[in-house]
C-alpha atoms as a PDB file:
ATOM      1  CA  MET A   1       0.164   0.132  -0.013  1.00  0.00           C
ATOM      2  CA  PRO A   2       1.555   3.327  -0.839  1.00  0.00           C
ATOM      3  CA  SER A   3       2.488   5.718   1.773  1.00  0.00           C
ATOM      4  CA  ASP A   4       0.714   9.194   1.906  1.00  0.00           C
ATOM      5  CA  VAL A   5       4.076  10.523   3.573  1.00  0.00           C
ATOM      6  CA  GLY A   6       6.018  11.059   0.483  1.00  0.00           C
ATOM      7  CA  ARG A   7       3.143  13.041  -1.036  1.00  0.00           C
ATOM      8  CA  ASP A   8       2.606  15.175   2.088  1.00  0.00           C
ATOM      9  CA  THR A   9       6.282  16.097   1.806  1.00  0.00           C
ATOM     10  CA  ALA A  10       6.190  16.891  -1.545  1.00  0.00           C
ATOM     11  CA  LEU A  11       3.137  19.337  -1.093  1.00  0.00           C
ATOM     12  CA  ALA A  12       4.807  20.898   1.835  1.00  0.00           C
ATOM     13  CA  GLN A  13       7.894  21.496  -0.569  1.00  0.00           C
ATOM     14  CA  GLU A  14       6.009  23.307  -2.964  1.00  0.00           C
ATOM     15  CA  GLU A  15       7.042  26.771  -3.339  1.00  0.00           C
ATOM     16  CA  ALA A  16       4.737  29.982  -2.916  1.00  0.00           C
ATOM     17  CA  HIS A  17       5.036  32.343  -6.121  1.00  0.00           C
ATOM     18  CA  VAL A  18       3.782  35.775  -6.737  1.00  0.00           C
ATOM     19  CA  GLN A  19       3.478  37.384 -10.304  1.00  0.00           C
ATOM     20  CA  ILE A  20       5.096  40.584 -11.132  1.00  0.00           C
ATOM     21  CA  ASP A  21       3.790  42.401 -14.458  1.00  0.00           C
ATOM     22  CA  THR A  22       5.334  44.956 -15.858  1.00  0.00           C
ATOM     23  CA  VAL A  23       3.510  46.802 -18.620  1.00  0.00           C
ATOM     24  CA  ALA A  24       4.088  49.970 -21.283  1.00  0.00           C
ATOM     25  CA  TRP A  25       7.449  51.804 -20.836  1.00  0.00           C
ATOM     26  CA  VAL A  26       8.391  50.130 -17.445  1.00  0.00           C
ATOM     27  CA  THR A  27       9.136  47.034 -19.447  1.00  0.00           C
ATOM     28  CA  ARG A  28      12.109  48.779 -21.126  1.00  0.00           C
ATOM     29  CA  TYR A  29      13.869  48.636 -17.572  1.00  0.00           C
ATOM     30  CA  VAL A  30      13.480  44.732 -17.849  1.00  0.00           C
ATOM     31  CA  GLY A  31      14.564  44.033 -21.368  1.00  0.00           C
ATOM     32  CA  GLY A  32      11.372  44.824 -23.282  1.00  0.00           C
ATOM     33  CA  SER A  33      10.613  47.125 -26.092  1.00  0.00           C
ATOM     34  CA  GLY A  34       8.630  49.813 -23.752  1.00  0.00           C
ATOM     35  CA  SER A  35       5.125  48.881 -25.328  1.00  0.00           C
ATOM     36  CA  ASP A  36       4.499  45.455 -24.300  1.00  0.00           C
ATOM     37  CA  ARG A  37       3.990  43.337 -21.471  1.00  0.00           C
ATOM     38  CA  ILE A  38       6.653  41.161 -19.218  1.00  0.00           C
ATOM     39  CA  GLU A  39       5.634  38.987 -16.576  1.00  0.00           C
ATOM     40  CA  PHE A  40       8.029  37.268 -14.055  1.00  0.00           C
ATOM     41  CA  ASP A  41       7.074  34.465 -11.456  1.00  0.00           C
ATOM     42  CA  LEU A  42       9.022  34.720  -8.332  1.00  0.00           C
ATOM     43  CA  ALA A  43       9.037  32.167  -5.549  1.00  0.00           C
ATOM     44  CA  LEU A  44       8.129  33.611  -2.121  1.00  0.00           C
ATOM     45  CA  ALA A  45      10.333  32.951   1.082  1.00  0.00           C
ATOM     46  CA  PRO A  46       8.341  32.863   4.264  1.00  0.00           C
ATOM     47  CA  GLY A  47       7.647  36.569   5.411  1.00  0.00           C
ATOM     48  CA  ASP A  48       8.727  38.027   2.117  1.00  0.00           C
ATOM     49  CA  THR A  49       6.946  41.638   1.510  1.00  0.00           C
ATOM     50  CA  VAL A  50       6.456  43.762  -1.057  1.00  0.00           C
ATOM     51  CA  ARG A  51       9.627  45.479  -0.419  1.00  0.00           C
ATOM     52  CA  THR A  52      11.333  42.318  -0.387  1.00  0.00           C
ATOM     53  CA  VAL A  53       9.884  41.095  -3.457  1.00  0.00           C
ATOM     54  CA  LEU A  54      10.643  44.261  -5.594  1.00  0.00           C
ATOM     55  CA  ARG A  55      14.048  44.440  -4.426  1.00  0.00           C
ATOM     56  CA  ARG A  56      14.992  40.994  -5.696  1.00  0.00           C
ATOM     57  CA  LEU A  57      13.277  41.607  -9.092  1.00  0.00           C
ATOM     58  CA  SER A  58      15.272  45.120  -9.442  1.00  0.00           C
ATOM     59  CA  ALA A  59      18.454  43.664  -8.094  1.00  0.00           C
ATOM     60  CA  ARG A  60      18.442  41.356 -11.324  1.00  0.00           C
ATOM     61  CA  PHE A  61      17.669  44.669 -13.451  1.00  0.00           C
ATOM     62  CA  PRO A  62      19.976  47.610 -12.842  1.00  0.00           C
ATOM     63  CA  GLU A  63      17.994  49.874 -14.709  1.00  0.00           C
ATOM     64  CA  LEU A  64      14.763  48.849 -13.023  1.00  0.00           C
ATOM     65  CA  GLN A  65      16.750  49.705  -9.990  1.00  0.00           C
ATOM     66  CA  ARG A  66      17.392  52.866 -10.703  1.00  0.00           C
ATOM     67  CA  ALA A  67      13.930  53.723 -11.889  1.00  0.00           C
ATOM     68  CA  LEU A  68      12.058  51.834  -9.012  1.00  0.00           C
ATOM     69  CA  TRP A  69      14.321  53.361  -6.028  1.00  0.00           C
ATOM     70  CA  ASP A  70      14.909  56.715  -4.899  1.00  0.00           C
ATOM     71  CA  PRO A  71      18.703  56.514  -4.487  1.00  0.00           C
ATOM     72  CA  ALA A  72      18.797  59.177  -1.550  1.00  0.00           C
ATOM     73  CA  SER A  73      16.121  57.442   0.598  1.00  0.00           C
ATOM     74  CA  GLY A  74      16.208  53.960  -0.593  1.00  0.00           C
ATOM     75  CA  GLU A  75      11.934  54.243  -0.801  1.00  0.00           C
ATOM     76  CA  LEU A  76      10.088  53.748  -4.060  1.00  0.00           C
ATOM     77  CA  GLY A  77      10.748  56.626  -6.534  1.00  0.00           C
ATOM     78  CA  GLU A  78       7.808  58.666  -7.942  1.00  0.00           C
ATOM     79  CA  HIS A  79       7.537  57.285 -11.303  1.00  0.00           C
ATOM     80  CA  ILE A  80       6.370  53.679 -11.319  1.00  0.00           C
ATOM     81  CA  GLU A  81       3.192  53.397  -9.756  1.00  0.00           C
ATOM     82  CA  VAL A  82       2.676  49.754  -8.002  1.00  0.00           C
ATOM     83  CA  VAL A  83      -0.558  47.933  -7.867  1.00  0.00           C
ATOM     84  CA  VAL A  84      -0.792  44.810  -5.641  1.00  0.00           C
ATOM     85  CA  ASN A  85      -3.844  42.593  -5.751  1.00  0.00           C
ATOM     86  CA  GLY A  86      -5.594  45.149  -7.993  1.00  0.00           C
ATOM     87  CA  ALA A  87      -5.189  48.134  -5.506  1.00  0.00           C
ATOM     88  CA  ILE A  88      -2.652  51.000  -5.684  1.00  0.00           C
ATOM     89  CA  LEU A  89       0.219  50.645  -2.946  1.00  0.00           C
ATOM     90  CA  GLY A  90      -1.129  52.271  -0.268  1.00  0.00           C
ATOM     91  CA  VAL A  91      -4.636  51.656  -0.180  1.00  0.00           C
ATOM     92  CA  ARG A  92      -5.088  48.075   1.117  1.00  0.00           C
ATOM     93  CA  HIS A  93      -0.998  47.133   1.018  1.00  0.00           C
ATOM     94  CA  GLY A  94       2.168  48.911   1.824  1.00  0.00           C
ATOM     95  CA  LEU A  95       5.746  48.225   1.119  1.00  0.00           C
ATOM     96  CA  ASP A  96       6.045  45.781   4.136  1.00  0.00           C
ATOM     97  CA  SER A  97       2.777  44.052   3.671  1.00  0.00           C
ATOM     98  CA  GLU A  98       3.637  40.520   3.568  1.00  0.00           C
ATOM     99  CA  LEU A  99       2.688  38.605   0.534  1.00  0.00           C
ATOM    100  CA  LYS A 100       1.159  35.248   0.058  1.00  0.00           C
ATOM    101  CA  ASP A 101       0.989  32.708  -2.870  1.00  0.00           C
ATOM    102  CA  GLY A 102      -0.804  33.838  -5.812  1.00  0.00           C
ATOM    103  CA  ASP A 103      -0.691  37.556  -5.124  1.00  0.00           C
ATOM    104  CA  ARG A 104       0.243  39.825  -7.921  1.00  0.00           C
ATOM    105  CA  ILE A 105       1.847  42.777  -8.162  1.00  0.00           C
ATOM    106  CA  LEU A 106       1.863  45.203 -11.221  1.00  0.00           C
ATOM    107  CA  LEU A 107       4.441  47.759 -12.216  1.00  0.00           C
ATOM    108  CA  PHE A 108       3.307  50.514 -14.680  1.00  0.00           C
ATOM    109  CA  GLY A 109       4.507  53.951 -15.283  1.00  0.00           C
ATOM    110  CA  GLN A 110       3.203  57.166 -14.185  1.00  0.00           C
ATOM    111  CA  TYR A 111       1.932  59.487 -16.877  1.00  0.00           C
ATOM    112  CA  MET A 112       2.060  63.268 -16.290  1.00  0.00           C
ATOM    113  CA  GLY A 113       0.910  65.982 -18.690  1.00  0.00           C
ATOM    114  CA  GLY A 114      -0.837  69.198 -18.595  1.00  0.00           C
END
């Protein structure tokens, strides 16, 4: 008779993931054309927050690092909007909100004009 122990161990070892979507001109910072959408699926470690996941992604892309983070304060800059599970950052989530499996983050550029 097969044991459920192996199956339970395999389920426990499955990683949690978060999806990060970059759209429009933000994709230029992650190897895109500036008019497309690029998605990333990142594994979550226990306790990962919006900040730690964005830091991990931006560490892979120096141009995103410069565009996303203010070098003087170390906080988010003002030109890229962050949306977590459909809500703009600061509404339901902050940078230090813990993420869970299946959460989605969207990065898109703010548009300014007059």
